[in-house]
Amino acid sequence: MYLKYTYNVLVRTVTIADSSIGVYFRIPSDQTWLKIIKQLIIFWCRYYELERTRITELLRRPPEAEDVEEILCGPSDLPDDDQATRSRLLAQAAVNQHELIAMIHRILSIKEQDERDKEAEQR
């Protein structure tokens, strides 16, 4: 529901231009919109599907913005009585956290490089 609402508001408010290397957004200078656009770029832009492959394998589904808090903070419902399960879950949480951070870093690095290349072409 949130995504559908966000998308509908976004379509009415933001100019979207499709290009061969992805989708470009011209947005109002509002921090809330910047956050939404970053979520769209990181989690839904087809141009970055390859960068999301590993975290998708770990989660067994494509990552979503709503996953970030749980992945970064770790599991909240660990068993107290089963140390082996607890250790396994914490180890997997650490891997997921590392992969999410790496994915975001890769996507933002590619995006920054694309923007530098575009600026260099315009000169």
PDB file of N, CA and C in Angstrom:
ATOM      1  N   MET A   1       0.821  -1.189   0.000  1.00  0.00           N
ATOM      2  CA  MET A   1       0.000   0.000   0.000  1.00  0.00           C
ATOM      3  C   MET A   1       0.869   1.258   0.000  1.00  0.00           C
ATOM      4  N   TYR A   2       1.896   1.295   0.848  1.00  0.00           N
ATOM      5  CA  TYR A   2       2.778   2.458   0.927  1.00  0.00           C
ATOM      6  C   TYR A   2       3.454   2.704  -0.415  1.00  0.00           C
ATOM      7  N   LEU A   3       3.962   1.614  -1.034  1.00  0.00           N
ATOM      8  CA  LEU A   3       4.650   1.758  -2.308  1.00  0.00           C
ATOM      9  C   LEU A   3       3.699   2.282  -3.377  1.00  0.00           C
ATOM     10  N   LYS A   4       2.483   1.754  -3.439  1.00  0.00           N
ATOM     11  CA  LYS A   4       1.513   2.207  -4.431  1.00  0.00           C
ATOM     12  C   LYS A   4       1.192   3.684  -4.207  1.00  0.00           C
ATOM     13  N   TYR A   5       0.977   4.080  -2.970  1.00  0.00           N
ATOM     14  CA  TYR A   5       0.688   5.485  -2.653  1.00  0.00           C
ATOM     15  C   TYR A   5       1.880   6.358  -3.041  1.00  0.00           C
ATOM     16  N   THR A   6       3.073   5.929  -2.650  1.00  0.00           N
ATOM     17  CA  THR A   6       4.281   6.691  -2.952  1.00  0.00           C
ATOM     18  C   THR A   6       4.448   6.843  -4.452  1.00  0.00           C
ATOM     19  N   TYR A   7       4.252   5.761  -5.178  1.00  0.00           N
ATOM     20  CA  TYR A   7       4.404   5.806  -6.626  1.00  0.00           C
ATOM     21  C   TYR A   7       3.387   6.766  -7.249  1.00  0.00           C
ATOM     22  N   ASN A   8       2.138   6.699  -6.806  1.00  0.00           N
ATOM     23  CA  ASN A   8       1.108   7.582  -7.360  1.00  0.00           C
ATOM     24  C   ASN A   8       1.423   9.048  -7.086  1.00  0.00           C
ATOM     25  N   VAL A   9       1.857   9.361  -5.878  1.00  0.00           N
ATOM     26  CA  VAL A   9       2.236  10.739  -5.550  1.00  0.00           C
ATOM     27  C   VAL A   9       3.452  11.140  -6.374  1.00  0.00           C
ATOM     28  N   LEU A  10       4.395  10.229  -6.503  1.00  0.00           N
ATOM     29  CA  LEU A  10       5.614  10.482  -7.258  1.00  0.00           C
ATOM     30  C   LEU A  10       5.300  10.806  -8.719  1.00  0.00           C
ATOM     31  N   VAL A  11       4.432  10.038  -9.325  1.00  0.00           N
ATOM     32  CA  VAL A  11       4.079  10.246 -10.728  1.00  0.00           C
ATOM     33  C   VAL A  11       3.448  11.623 -10.931  1.00  0.00           C
ATOM     34  N   ARG A  12       2.651  12.068  -9.990  1.00  0.00           N
ATOM     35  CA  ARG A  12       2.010  13.378 -10.109  1.00  0.00           C
ATOM     36  C   ARG A  12       2.982  14.527  -9.852  1.00  0.00           C
ATOM     37  N   THR A  13       4.055  14.281  -9.098  1.00  0.00           N
ATOM     38  CA  THR A  13       4.913  15.360  -8.627  1.00  0.00           C
ATOM     39  C   THR A  13       6.265  15.425  -9.334  1.00  0.00           C
ATOM     40  N   VAL A  14       6.739  14.313  -9.828  1.00  0.00           N
ATOM     41  CA  VAL A  14       8.105  14.219 -10.313  1.00  0.00           C
ATOM     42  C   VAL A  14       8.118  14.005 -11.824  1.00  0.00           C
ATOM     43  N   THR A  15       9.054  14.652 -12.491  1.00  0.00           N
ATOM     44  CA  THR A  15       9.254  14.418 -13.911  1.00  0.00           C
ATOM     45  C   THR A  15      10.193  13.230 -14.053  1.00  0.00           C
ATOM     46  N   ILE A  16       9.764  12.224 -14.779  1.00  0.00           N
ATOM     47  CA  ILE A  16      10.556  11.004 -14.934  1.00  0.00           C
ATOM     48  C   ILE A  16      10.941  10.881 -16.398  1.00  0.00           C
ATOM     49  N   ALA A  17      12.230  10.680 -16.659  1.00  0.00           N
ATOM     50  CA  ALA A  17      12.711  10.515 -18.028  1.00  0.00           C
ATOM     51  C   ALA A  17      13.433   9.182 -18.143  1.00  0.00           C
ATOM     52  N   ASP A  18      13.001   8.359 -19.055  1.00  0.00           N
ATOM     53  CA  ASP A  18      13.631   7.063 -19.281  1.00  0.00           C
ATOM     54  C   ASP A  18      14.805   7.248 -20.234  1.00  0.00           C
ATOM     55  N   SER A  19      15.897   6.535 -19.985  1.00  0.00           N
ATOM     56  CA  SER A  19      17.031   6.584 -20.900  1.00  0.00           C
ATOM     57  C   SER A  19      17.582   5.174 -21.049  1.00  0.00           C
ATOM     58  N   SER A  20      18.582   5.023 -21.867  1.00  0.00           N
ATOM     59  CA  SER A  20      19.129   3.697 -22.116  1.00  0.00           C
ATOM     60  C   SER A  20      19.828   3.121 -20.891  1.00  0.00           C
ATOM     61  N   ILE A  21      20.268   3.971 -19.963  1.00  0.00           N
ATOM     62  CA  ILE A  21      20.956   3.453 -18.788  1.00  0.00           C
ATOM     63  C   ILE A  21      20.141   3.552 -17.515  1.00  0.00           C
ATOM     64  N   GLY A  22      18.882   3.888 -17.615  1.00  0.00           N
ATOM     65  CA  GLY A  22      18.065   3.913 -16.411  1.00  0.00           C
ATOM     66  C   GLY A  22      17.029   5.007 -16.451  1.00  0.00           C
ATOM     67  N   VAL A  23      16.532   5.324 -15.296  1.00  0.00           N
ATOM     68  CA  VAL A  23      15.483   6.323 -15.166  1.00  0.00           C
ATOM     69  C   VAL A  23      16.063   7.526 -14.439  1.00  0.00           C
ATOM     70  N   TYR A  24      15.822   8.711 -14.992  1.00  0.00           N
ATOM     71  CA  TYR A  24      16.270   9.930 -14.346  1.00  0.00           C
ATOM     72  C   TYR A  24      15.060  10.649 -13.780  1.00  0.00           C
ATOM     73  N   PHE A  25      15.223  11.225 -12.601  1.00  0.00           N
ATOM     74  CA  PHE A  25      14.132  11.902 -11.924  1.00  0.00           C
ATOM     75  C   PHE A  25      14.477  13.367 -11.735  1.00  0.00           C
ATOM     76  N   ARG A  26      13.574  14.253 -12.090  1.00  0.00           N
ATOM     77  CA  ARG A  26      13.699  15.665 -11.747  1.00  0.00           C
ATOM     78  C   ARG A  26      12.690  15.891 -10.640  1.00  0.00           C
ATOM     79  N   ILE A  27      13.189  16.218  -9.458  1.00  0.00           N
ATOM     80  CA  ILE A  27      12.319  16.254  -8.290  1.00  0.00           C
ATOM     81  C   ILE A  27      12.351  17.609  -7.609  1.00  0.00           C
ATOM     82  N   PRO A  28      11.330  17.896  -6.815  1.00  0.00           N
ATOM     83  CA  PRO A  28      11.369  19.112  -5.998  1.00  0.00           C
ATOM     84  C   PRO A  28      12.506  19.021  -4.977  1.00  0.00           C
ATOM     85  N   SER A  29      12.997  20.142  -4.498  1.00  0.00           N
ATOM     86  CA  SER A  29      14.107  20.127  -3.541  1.00  0.00           C
ATOM     87  C   SER A  29      13.589  19.912  -2.124  1.00  0.00           C
ATOM     88  N   ASP A  30      13.001  18.781  -1.904  1.00  0.00           N
ATOM     89  CA  ASP A  30      12.429  18.409  -0.617  1.00  0.00           C
ATOM     90  C   ASP A  30      13.122  17.130  -0.160  1.00  0.00           C
ATOM     91  N   GLN A  31      13.638  17.114   1.067  1.00  0.00           N
ATOM     92  CA  GLN A  31      14.386  15.967   1.567  1.00  0.00           C
ATOM     93  C   GLN A  31      13.565  14.681   1.572  1.00  0.00           C
ATOM     94  N   THR A  32      12.267  14.768   1.790  1.00  0.00           N
ATOM     95  CA  THR A  32      11.421  13.577   1.770  1.00  0.00           C
ATOM     96  C   THR A  32      11.445  12.944   0.388  1.00  0.00           C
ATOM     97  N   TRP A  33      11.349  13.779  -0.638  1.00  0.00           N
ATOM     98  CA  TRP A  33      11.384  13.239  -1.999  1.00  0.00           C
ATOM     99  C   TRP A  33      12.740  12.656  -2.324  1.00  0.00           C
ATOM    100  N   LEU A  34      13.803  13.272  -1.845  1.00  0.00           N
ATOM    101  CA  LEU A  34      15.132  12.716  -2.079  1.00  0.00           C
ATOM    102  C   LEU A  34      15.231  11.315  -1.485  1.00  0.00           C
ATOM    103  N   LYS A  35      14.678  11.137  -0.306  1.00  0.00           N
ATOM    104  CA  LYS A  35      14.684   9.823   0.335  1.00  0.00           C
ATOM    105  C   LYS A  35      13.899   8.808  -0.500  1.00  0.00           C
ATOM    106  N   ILE A  36      12.746   9.198  -0.995  1.00  0.00           N
ATOM    107  CA  ILE A  36      11.925   8.298  -1.808  1.00  0.00           C
ATOM    108  C   ILE A  36      12.649   7.941  -3.105  1.00  0.00           C
ATOM    109  N   ILE A  37      13.258   8.930  -3.728  1.00  0.00           N
ATOM    110  CA  ILE A  37      13.966   8.679  -4.981  1.00  0.00           C
ATOM    111  C   ILE A  37      15.140   7.740  -4.753  1.00  0.00           C
ATOM    112  N   LYS A  38      15.883   7.940  -3.673  1.00  0.00           N
ATOM    113  CA  LYS A  38      16.993   7.032  -3.380  1.00  0.00           C
ATOM    114  C   LYS A  38      16.489   5.612  -3.180  1.00  0.00           C
ATOM    115  N   GLN A  39      15.353   5.458  -2.504  1.00  0.00           N
ATOM    116  CA  GLN A  39      14.775   4.128  -2.332  1.00  0.00           C
ATOM    117  C   GLN A  39      14.411   3.522  -3.673  1.00  0.00           C
ATOM    118  N   LEU A  40      13.814   4.321  -4.551  1.00  0.00           N
ATOM    119  CA  LEU A  40      13.445   3.810  -5.873  1.00  0.00           C
ATOM    120  C   LEU A  40      14.678   3.389  -6.653  1.00  0.00           C
ATOM    121  N   ILE A  41      15.714   4.188  -6.597  1.00  0.00           N
ATOM    122  CA  ILE A  41      16.938   3.872  -7.329  1.00  0.00           C
ATOM    123  C   ILE A  41      17.575   2.610  -6.767  1.00  0.00           C
ATOM    124  N   ILE A  42      17.743   2.545  -5.459  1.00  0.00           N
ATOM    125  CA  ILE A  42      18.448   1.424  -4.844  1.00  0.00           C
ATOM    126  C   ILE A  42      17.661   0.129  -4.947  1.00  0.00           C
ATOM    127  N   PHE A  43      16.361   0.170  -4.734  1.00  0.00           N
ATOM    128  CA  PHE A  43      15.602  -1.070  -4.624  1.00  0.00           C
ATOM    129  C   PHE A  43      14.797  -1.452  -5.854  1.00  0.00           C
ATOM    130  N   TRP A  44      14.508  -0.514  -6.761  1.00  0.00           N
ATOM    131  CA  TRP A  44      13.607  -0.875  -7.853  1.00  0.00           C
ATOM    132  C   TRP A  44      14.124  -0.578  -9.250  1.00  0.00           C
ATOM    133  N   CYS A  45      15.151   0.231  -9.416  1.00  0.00           N
ATOM    134  CA  CYS A  45      15.639   0.576 -10.747  1.00  0.00           C
ATOM    135  C   CYS A  45      16.268  -0.657 -11.404  1.00  0.00           C
ATOM    136  N   ARG A  46      15.792  -0.989 -12.592  1.00  0.00           N
ATOM    137  CA  ARG A  46      16.276  -2.194 -13.301  1.00  0.00           C
ATOM    138  C   ARG A  46      17.752  -2.120 -13.638  1.00  0.00           C
ATOM    139  N   TYR A  47      18.289  -0.935 -13.795  1.00  0.00           N
ATOM    140  CA  TYR A  47      19.699  -0.748 -14.146  1.00  0.00           C
ATOM    141  C   TYR A  47      20.630  -1.377 -13.097  1.00  0.00           C
ATOM    142  N   TYR A  48      20.173  -1.489 -11.865  1.00  0.00           N
ATOM    143  CA  TYR A  48      21.017  -1.994 -10.771  1.00  0.00           C
ATOM    144  C   TYR A  48      20.642  -3.407 -10.316  1.00  0.00           C
ATOM    145  N   GLU A  49      19.929  -4.146 -11.136  1.00  0.00           N
ATOM    146  CA  GLU A  49      19.521  -5.501 -10.749  1.00  0.00           C
ATOM    147  C   GLU A  49      20.715  -6.393 -10.424  1.00  0.00           C
ATOM    148  N   LEU A  50      21.777  -6.288 -11.199  1.00  0.00           N
ATOM    149  CA  LEU A  50      22.964  -7.107 -10.967  1.00  0.00           C
ATOM    150  C   LEU A  50      23.552  -6.849  -9.579  1.00  0.00           C
ATOM    151  N   GLU A  51      23.556  -5.599  -9.154  1.00  0.00           N
ATOM    152  CA  GLU A  51      24.105  -5.257  -7.838  1.00  0.00           C
ATOM    153  C   GLU A  51      23.237  -5.796  -6.700  1.00  0.00           C
ATOM    154  N   ARG A  52      21.971  -6.065  -6.975  1.00  0.00           N
ATOM    155  CA  ARG A  52      21.067  -6.607  -5.944  1.00  0.00           C
ATOM    156  C   ARG A  52      21.041  -8.133  -5.915  1.00  0.00           C
ATOM    157  N   THR A  53      21.787  -8.800  -6.783  1.00  0.00           N
ATOM    158  CA  THR A  53      21.717 -10.257  -6.909  1.00  0.00           C
ATOM    159  C   THR A  53      22.043 -10.984  -5.604  1.00  0.00           C
ATOM    160  N   ARG A  54      23.138 -10.643  -4.968  1.00  0.00           N
ATOM    161  CA  ARG A  54      23.570 -11.372  -3.762  1.00  0.00           C
ATOM    162  C   ARG A  54      22.570 -11.217  -2.615  1.00  0.00           C
ATOM    163  N   ILE A  55      22.121 -10.004  -2.358  1.00  0.00           N
ATOM    164  CA  ILE A  55      21.172  -9.809  -1.256  1.00  0.00           C
ATOM    165  C   ILE A  55      19.840 -10.468  -1.589  1.00  0.00           C
ATOM    166  N   THR A  56      19.477 -10.506  -2.856  1.00  0.00           N
ATOM    167  CA  THR A  56      18.253 -11.195  -3.278  1.00  0.00           C
ATOM    168  C   THR A  56      18.367 -12.691  -2.992  1.00  0.00           C
ATOM    169  N   GLU A  57      19.537 -13.259  -3.258  1.00  0.00           N
ATOM    170  CA  GLU A  57      19.767 -14.677  -2.946  1.00  0.00           C
ATOM    171  C   GLU A  57      19.663 -14.940  -1.450  1.00  0.00           C
ATOM    172  N   LEU A  58      20.246 -14.049  -0.652  1.00  0.00           N
ATOM    173  CA  LEU A  58      20.225 -14.235   0.800  1.00  0.00           C
ATOM    174  C   LEU A  58      18.815 -14.126   1.373  1.00  0.00           C
ATOM    175  N   LEU A  59      18.051 -13.157   0.879  1.00  0.00           N
ATOM    176  CA  LEU A  59      16.694 -12.951   1.391  1.00  0.00           C
ATOM    177  C   LEU A  59      15.678 -13.884   0.735  1.00  0.00           C
ATOM    178  N   ARG A  60      16.079 -14.509  -0.362  1.00  0.00           N
ATOM    179  CA  ARG A  60      15.209 -15.364  -1.183  1.00  0.00           C
ATOM    180  C   ARG A  60      14.056 -14.585  -1.807  1.00  0.00           C
ATOM    181  N   ARG A  61      14.281 -13.296  -1.991  1.00  0.00           N
ATOM    182  CA  ARG A  61      13.338 -12.402  -2.660  1.00  0.00           C
ATOM    183  C   ARG A  61      14.057 -11.076  -2.861  1.00  0.00           C
ATOM    184  N   PRO A  62      13.554 -10.240  -3.765  1.00  0.00           N
ATOM    185  CA  PRO A  62      14.201  -8.935  -3.945  1.00  0.00           C
ATOM    186  C   PRO A  62      14.117  -8.087  -2.667  1.00  0.00           C
ATOM    187  N   PRO A  63      15.175  -7.352  -2.357  1.00  0.00           N
ATOM    188  CA  PRO A  63      15.138  -6.500  -1.164  1.00  0.00           C
ATOM    189  C   PRO A  63      14.184  -5.335  -1.354  1.00  0.00           C
ATOM    190  N   GLU A  64      13.663  -4.841  -0.242  1.00  0.00           N
ATOM    191  CA  GLU A  64      12.774  -3.684  -0.252  1.00  0.00           C
ATOM    192  C   GLU A  64      13.273  -2.687   0.779  1.00  0.00           C
ATOM    193  N   ALA A  65      12.854  -1.454   0.653  1.00  0.00           N
ATOM    194  CA  ALA A  65      13.274  -0.415   1.594  1.00  0.00           C
ATOM    195  C   ALA A  65      12.897  -0.781   3.025  1.00  0.00           C
ATOM    196  N   GLU A  66      11.778  -1.468   3.182  1.00  0.00           N
ATOM    197  CA  GLU A  66      11.313  -1.855   4.519  1.00  0.00           C
ATOM    198  C   GLU A  66      12.247  -2.872   5.189  1.00  0.00           C
ATOM    199  N   ASP A  67      13.123  -3.527   4.426  1.00  0.00           N
ATOM    200  CA  ASP A  67      14.051  -4.511   4.977  1.00  0.00           C
ATOM    201  C   ASP A  67      15.248  -3.877   5.665  1.00  0.00           C
ATOM    202  N   VAL A  68      15.542  -2.635   5.346  1.00  0.00           N
ATOM    203  CA  VAL A  68      16.779  -2.006   5.797  1.00  0.00           C
ATOM    204  C   VAL A  68      16.904  -1.999   7.318  1.00  0.00           C
ATOM    205  N   GLU A  69      15.883  -1.574   8.010  1.00  0.00           N
ATOM    206  CA  GLU A  69      15.961  -1.487   9.474  1.00  0.00           C
ATOM    207  C   GLU A  69      16.251  -2.846  10.098  1.00  0.00           C
ATOM    208  N   GLU A  70      15.516  -3.864   9.686  1.00  0.00           N
ATOM    209  CA  GLU A  70      15.721  -5.191  10.270  1.00  0.00           C
ATOM    210  C   GLU A  70      17.112  -5.731   9.952  1.00  0.00           C
ATOM    211  N   ILE A  71      17.569  -5.515   8.718  1.00  0.00           N
ATOM    212  CA  ILE A  71      18.889  -6.024   8.336  1.00  0.00           C
ATOM    213  C   ILE A  71      19.987  -5.289   9.094  1.00  0.00           C
ATOM    214  N   LEU A  72      19.896  -3.979   9.198  1.00  0.00           N
ATOM    215  CA  LEU A  72      20.945  -3.221   9.882  1.00  0.00           C
ATOM    216  C   LEU A  72      20.938  -3.436  11.391  1.00  0.00           C
ATOM    217  N   CYS A  73      19.750  -3.584  11.982  1.00  0.00           N
ATOM    218  CA  CYS A  73      19.648  -3.761  13.433  1.00  0.00           C
ATOM    219  C   CYS A  73      19.776  -5.217  13.865  1.00  0.00           C
ATOM    220  N   GLY A  74      19.577  -6.133  12.954  1.00  0.00           N
ATOM    221  CA  GLY A  74      19.649  -7.554  13.292  1.00  0.00           C
ATOM    222  C   GLY A  74      18.306  -8.077  13.766  1.00  0.00           C
ATOM    223  N   PRO A  75      18.229  -9.371  13.936  1.00  0.00           N
ATOM    224  CA  PRO A  75      16.955  -9.977  14.350  1.00  0.00           C
ATOM    225  C   PRO A  75      16.573  -9.567  15.764  1.00  0.00           C
ATOM    226  N   SER A  76      15.285  -9.377  15.972  1.00  0.00           N
ATOM    227  CA  SER A  76      14.813  -8.947  17.287  1.00  0.00           C
ATOM    228  C   SER A  76      14.220 -10.093  18.103  1.00  0.00           C
ATOM    229  N   ASP A  77      13.959 -11.194  17.484  1.00  0.00           N
ATOM    230  CA  ASP A  77      13.296 -12.311  18.175  1.00  0.00           C
ATOM    231  C   ASP A  77      14.190 -13.560  18.197  1.00  0.00           C
ATOM    232  N   LEU A  78      15.333 -13.428  18.852  1.00  0.00           N
ATOM    233  CA  LEU A  78      16.261 -14.558  18.949  1.00  0.00           C
ATOM    234  C   LEU A  78      15.856 -15.481  20.093  1.00  0.00           C
ATOM    235  N   PRO A  79      16.012 -16.789  19.891  1.00  0.00           N
ATOM    236  CA  PRO A  79      15.689 -17.730  20.968  1.00  0.00           C
ATOM    237  C   PRO A  79      16.729 -17.653  22.086  1.00  0.00           C
ATOM    238  N   ASP A  80      16.276 -17.654  23.316  1.00  0.00           N
ATOM    239  CA  ASP A  80      17.198 -17.615  24.455  1.00  0.00           C
ATOM    240  C   ASP A  80      17.707 -18.997  24.829  1.00  0.00           C
ATOM    241  N   ASP A  81      16.920 -20.018  24.565  1.00  0.00           N
ATOM    242  CA  ASP A  81      17.244 -21.359  25.040  1.00  0.00           C
ATOM    243  C   ASP A  81      18.076 -22.188  24.060  1.00  0.00           C
ATOM    244  N   ASP A  82      18.172 -21.815  22.810  1.00  0.00           N
ATOM    245  CA  ASP A  82      18.896 -22.591  21.807  1.00  0.00           C
ATOM    246  C   ASP A  82      20.088 -21.782  21.295  1.00  0.00           C
ATOM    247  N   GLN A  83      21.251 -21.995  21.909  1.00  0.00           N
ATOM    248  CA  GLN A  83      22.440 -21.219  21.595  1.00  0.00           C
ATOM    249  C   GLN A  83      22.917 -21.452  20.156  1.00  0.00           C
ATOM    250  N   ALA A  84      22.800 -22.672  19.659  1.00  0.00           N
ATOM    251  CA  ALA A  84      23.241 -22.974  18.299  1.00  0.00           C
ATOM    252  C   ALA A  84      22.404 -22.194  17.276  1.00  0.00           C
ATOM    253  N   THR A  85      21.102 -22.195  17.448  1.00  0.00           N
ATOM    254  CA  THR A  85      20.217 -21.458  16.544  1.00  0.00           C
ATOM    255  C   THR A  85      20.481 -19.966  16.655  1.00  0.00           C
ATOM    256  N   ARG A  86      20.651 -19.490  17.872  1.00  0.00           N
ATOM    257  CA  ARG A  86      20.930 -18.073  18.105  1.00  0.00           C
ATOM    258  C   ARG A  86      22.218 -17.658  17.386  1.00  0.00           C
ATOM    259  N   SER A  87      23.258 -18.455  17.515  1.00  0.00           N
ATOM    260  CA  SER A  87      24.537 -18.164  16.865  1.00  0.00           C
ATOM    261  C   SER A  87      24.407 -18.173  15.341  1.00  0.00           C
ATOM    262  N   ARG A  88      23.667 -19.147  14.821  1.00  0.00           N
ATOM    263  CA  ARG A  88      23.460 -19.237  13.375  1.00  0.00           C
ATOM    264  C   ARG A  88      22.705 -18.012  12.852  1.00  0.00           C
ATOM    265  N   LEU A  89      21.658 -17.612  13.566  1.00  0.00           N
ATOM    266  CA  LEU A  89      20.874 -16.444  13.152  1.00  0.00           C
ATOM    267  C   LEU A  89      21.695 -15.151  13.207  1.00  0.00           C
ATOM    268  N   LEU A  90      22.517 -15.008  14.238  1.00  0.00           N
ATOM    269  CA  LEU A  90      23.367 -13.818  14.351  1.00  0.00           C
ATOM    270  C   LEU A  90      24.432 -13.790  13.252  1.00  0.00           C
ATOM    271  N   ALA A  91      24.989 -14.967  12.933  1.00  0.00           N
ATOM    272  CA  ALA A  91      25.973 -15.035  11.856  1.00  0.00           C
ATOM    273  C   ALA A  91      25.336 -14.671  10.521  1.00  0.00           C
ATOM    274  N   GLN A  92      24.139 -15.178  10.259  1.00  0.00           N
ATOM    275  CA  GLN A  92      23.442 -14.851   9.014  1.00  0.00           C
ATOM    276  C   GLN A  92      23.067 -13.370   8.972  1.00  0.00           C
ATOM    277  N   ALA A  93      22.680 -12.827  10.115  1.00  0.00           N
ATOM    278  CA  ALA A  93      22.350 -11.404  10.179  1.00  0.00           C
ATOM    279  C   ALA A  93      23.568 -10.545   9.845  1.00  0.00           C
ATOM    280  N   ALA A  94      24.740 -10.953  10.302  1.00  0.00           N
ATOM    281  CA  ALA A  94      25.971 -10.217  10.008  1.00  0.00           C
ATOM    282  C   ALA A  94      26.288 -10.268   8.510  1.00  0.00           C
ATOM    283  N   VAL A  95      26.089 -11.427   7.899  1.00  0.00           N
ATOM    284  CA  VAL A  95      26.306 -11.556   6.446  1.00  0.00           C
ATOM    285  C   VAL A  95      25.321 -10.666   5.693  1.00  0.00           C
ATOM    286  N   ASN A  96      24.045 -10.721   6.090  1.00  0.00           N
ATOM    287  CA  ASN A  96      23.024  -9.897   5.427  1.00  0.00           C
ATOM    288  C   ASN A  96      23.352  -8.415   5.549  1.00  0.00           C
ATOM    289  N   GLN A  97      23.791  -8.004   6.742  1.00  0.00           N
ATOM    290  CA  GLN A  97      24.139  -6.601   6.967  1.00  0.00           C
ATOM    291  C   GLN A  97      25.300  -6.196   6.057  1.00  0.00           C
ATOM    292  N   HIS A  98      26.326  -7.014   6.015  1.00  0.00           N
ATOM    293  CA  HIS A  98      27.482  -6.722   5.164  1.00  0.00           C
ATOM    294  C   HIS A  98      27.072  -6.614   3.691  1.00  0.00           C
ATOM    295  N   GLU A  99      26.262  -7.548   3.227  1.00  0.00           N
ATOM    296  CA  GLU A  99      25.839  -7.552   1.824  1.00  0.00           C
ATOM    297  C   GLU A  99      24.936  -6.372   1.486  1.00  0.00           C
ATOM    298  N   LEU A 100      24.056  -5.990   2.398  1.00  0.00           N
ATOM    299  CA  LEU A 100      23.196  -4.830   2.150  1.00  0.00           C
ATOM    300  C   LEU A 100      24.033  -3.562   2.022  1.00  0.00           C
ATOM    301  N   ILE A 101      24.968  -3.374   2.942  1.00  0.00           N
ATOM    302  CA  ILE A 101      25.835  -2.189   2.903  1.00  0.00           C
ATOM    303  C   ILE A 101      26.668  -2.190   1.633  1.00  0.00           C
ATOM    304  N   ALA A 102      27.197  -3.341   1.254  1.00  0.00           N
ATOM    305  CA  ALA A 102      27.991  -3.445   0.029  1.00  0.00           C
ATOM    306  C   ALA A 102      27.141  -3.133  -1.204  1.00  0.00           C
ATOM    307  N   MET A 103      25.904  -3.631  -1.230  1.00  0.00           N
ATOM    308  CA  MET A 103      25.003  -3.384  -2.356  1.00  0.00           C
ATOM    309  C   MET A 103      24.728  -1.882  -2.495  1.00  0.00           C
ATOM    310  N   ILE A 104      24.380  -1.242  -1.392  1.00  0.00           N
ATOM    311  CA  ILE A 104      24.086   0.184  -1.425  1.00  0.00           C
ATOM    312  C   ILE A 104      25.319   0.978  -1.864  1.00  0.00           C
ATOM    313  N   HIS A 105      26.465   0.609  -1.354  1.00  0.00           N
ATOM    314  CA  HIS A 105      27.708   1.283  -1.733  1.00  0.00           C
ATOM    315  C   HIS A 105      27.978   1.123  -3.234  1.00  0.00           C
ATOM    316  N   ARG A 106      27.807  -0.091  -3.762  1.00  0.00           N
ATOM    317  CA  ARG A 106      28.034  -0.323  -5.194  1.00  0.00           C
ATOM    318  C   ARG A 106      27.078   0.512  -6.047  1.00  0.00           C
ATOM    319  N   ILE A 107      25.800   0.497  -5.684  1.00  0.00           N
ATOM    320  CA  ILE A 107      24.805   1.235  -6.470  1.00  0.00           C
ATOM    321  C   ILE A 107      25.089   2.736  -6.440  1.00  0.00           C
ATOM    322  N   LEU A 108      25.354   3.268  -5.266  1.00  0.00           N
ATOM    323  CA  LEU A 108      25.621   4.711  -5.170  1.00  0.00           C
ATOM    324  C   LEU A 108      26.927   5.081  -5.869  1.00  0.00           C
ATOM    325  N   SER A 109      27.926   4.199  -5.816  1.00  0.00           N
ATOM    326  CA  SER A 109      29.190   4.456  -6.516  1.00  0.00           C
ATOM    327  C   SER A 109      28.981   4.488  -8.028  1.00  0.00           C
ATOM    328  N   ILE A 110      28.211   3.547  -8.548  1.00  0.00           N
ATOM    329  CA  ILE A 110      27.914   3.519  -9.980  1.00  0.00           C
ATOM    330  C   ILE A 110      27.138   4.770 -10.373  1.00  0.00           C
ATOM    331  N   LYS A 111      26.147   5.125  -9.553  1.00  0.00           N
ATOM    332  CA  LYS A 111      25.332   6.310  -9.844  1.00  0.00           C
ATOM    333  C   LYS A 111      26.203   7.570  -9.853  1.00  0.00           C
ATOM    334  N   GLU A 112      27.085   7.707  -8.876  1.00  0.00           N
ATOM    335  CA  GLU A 112      27.973   8.865  -8.830  1.00  0.00           C
ATOM    336  C   GLU A 112      28.891   8.910 -10.049  1.00  0.00           C
ATOM    337  N   GLN A 113      29.430   7.742 -10.440  1.00  0.00           N
ATOM    338  CA  GLN A 113      30.298   7.697 -11.616  1.00  0.00           C
ATOM    339  C   GLN A 113      29.528   8.062 -12.875  1.00  0.00           C
ATOM    340  N   ASP A 114      28.313   7.562 -13.004  1.00  0.00           N
ATOM    341  CA  ASP A 114      27.462   7.921 -14.149  1.00  0.00           C
ATOM    342  C   ASP A 114      27.227   9.425 -14.201  1.00  0.00           C
ATOM    343  N   GLU A 115      26.980  10.031 -13.039  1.00  0.00           N
ATOM    344  CA  GLU A 115      26.749  11.479 -12.992  1.00  0.00           C
ATOM    345  C   GLU A 115      28.010  12.252 -13.354  1.00  0.00           C
ATOM    346  N   ARG A 116      29.182  11.776 -12.884  1.00  0.00           N
ATOM    347  CA  ARG A 116      30.445  12.431 -13.262  1.00  0.00           C
ATOM    348  C   ARG A 116      30.677  12.318 -14.769  1.00  0.00           C
ATOM    349  N   ASP A 117      30.397  11.131 -15.327  1.00  0.00           N
ATOM    350  CA  ASP A 117      30.564  10.936 -16.771  1.00  0.00           C
ATOM    351  C   ASP A 117      29.637  11.842 -17.556  1.00  0.00           C
ATOM    352  N   LYS A 118      28.407  11.970 -17.089  1.00  0.00           N
ATOM    353  CA  LYS A 118      27.423  12.830 -17.763  1.00  0.00           C
ATOM    354  C   LYS A 118      27.874  14.291 -17.710  1.00  0.00           C
ATOM    355  N   GLU A 119      28.379  14.741 -16.557  1.00  0.00           N
ATOM    356  CA  GLU A 119      28.868  16.110 -16.432  1.00  0.00           C
ATOM    357  C   GLU A 119      30.076  16.348 -17.344  1.00  0.00           C
ATOM    358  N   ALA A 120      30.950  15.350 -17.438  1.00  0.00           N
ATOM    359  CA  ALA A 120      32.126  15.488 -18.290  1.00  0.00           C
ATOM    360  C   ALA A 120      31.722  15.578 -19.768  1.00  0.00           C
ATOM    361  N   GLU A 121      30.707  14.861 -20.174  1.00  0.00           N
ATOM    362  CA  GLU A 121      30.217  14.915 -21.548  1.00  0.00           C
ATOM    363  C   GLU A 121      29.630  16.289 -21.868  1.00  0.00           C
ATOM    364  N   GLN A 122      29.021  16.924 -20.883  1.00  0.00           N
ATOM    365  CA  GLN A 122      28.373  18.215 -21.099  1.00  0.00           C
ATOM    366  C   GLN A 122      29.366  19.367 -21.196  1.00  0.00           C
ATOM    367  N   ARG A 123      30.574  19.138 -20.783  1.00  0.00           N
ATOM    368  CA  ARG A 123      31.603  20.210 -20.828  1.00  0.00           C
ATOM    369  C   ARG A 123      32.135  20.399 -22.196  1.00  0.00           C
TER     370      ARG A 123
END
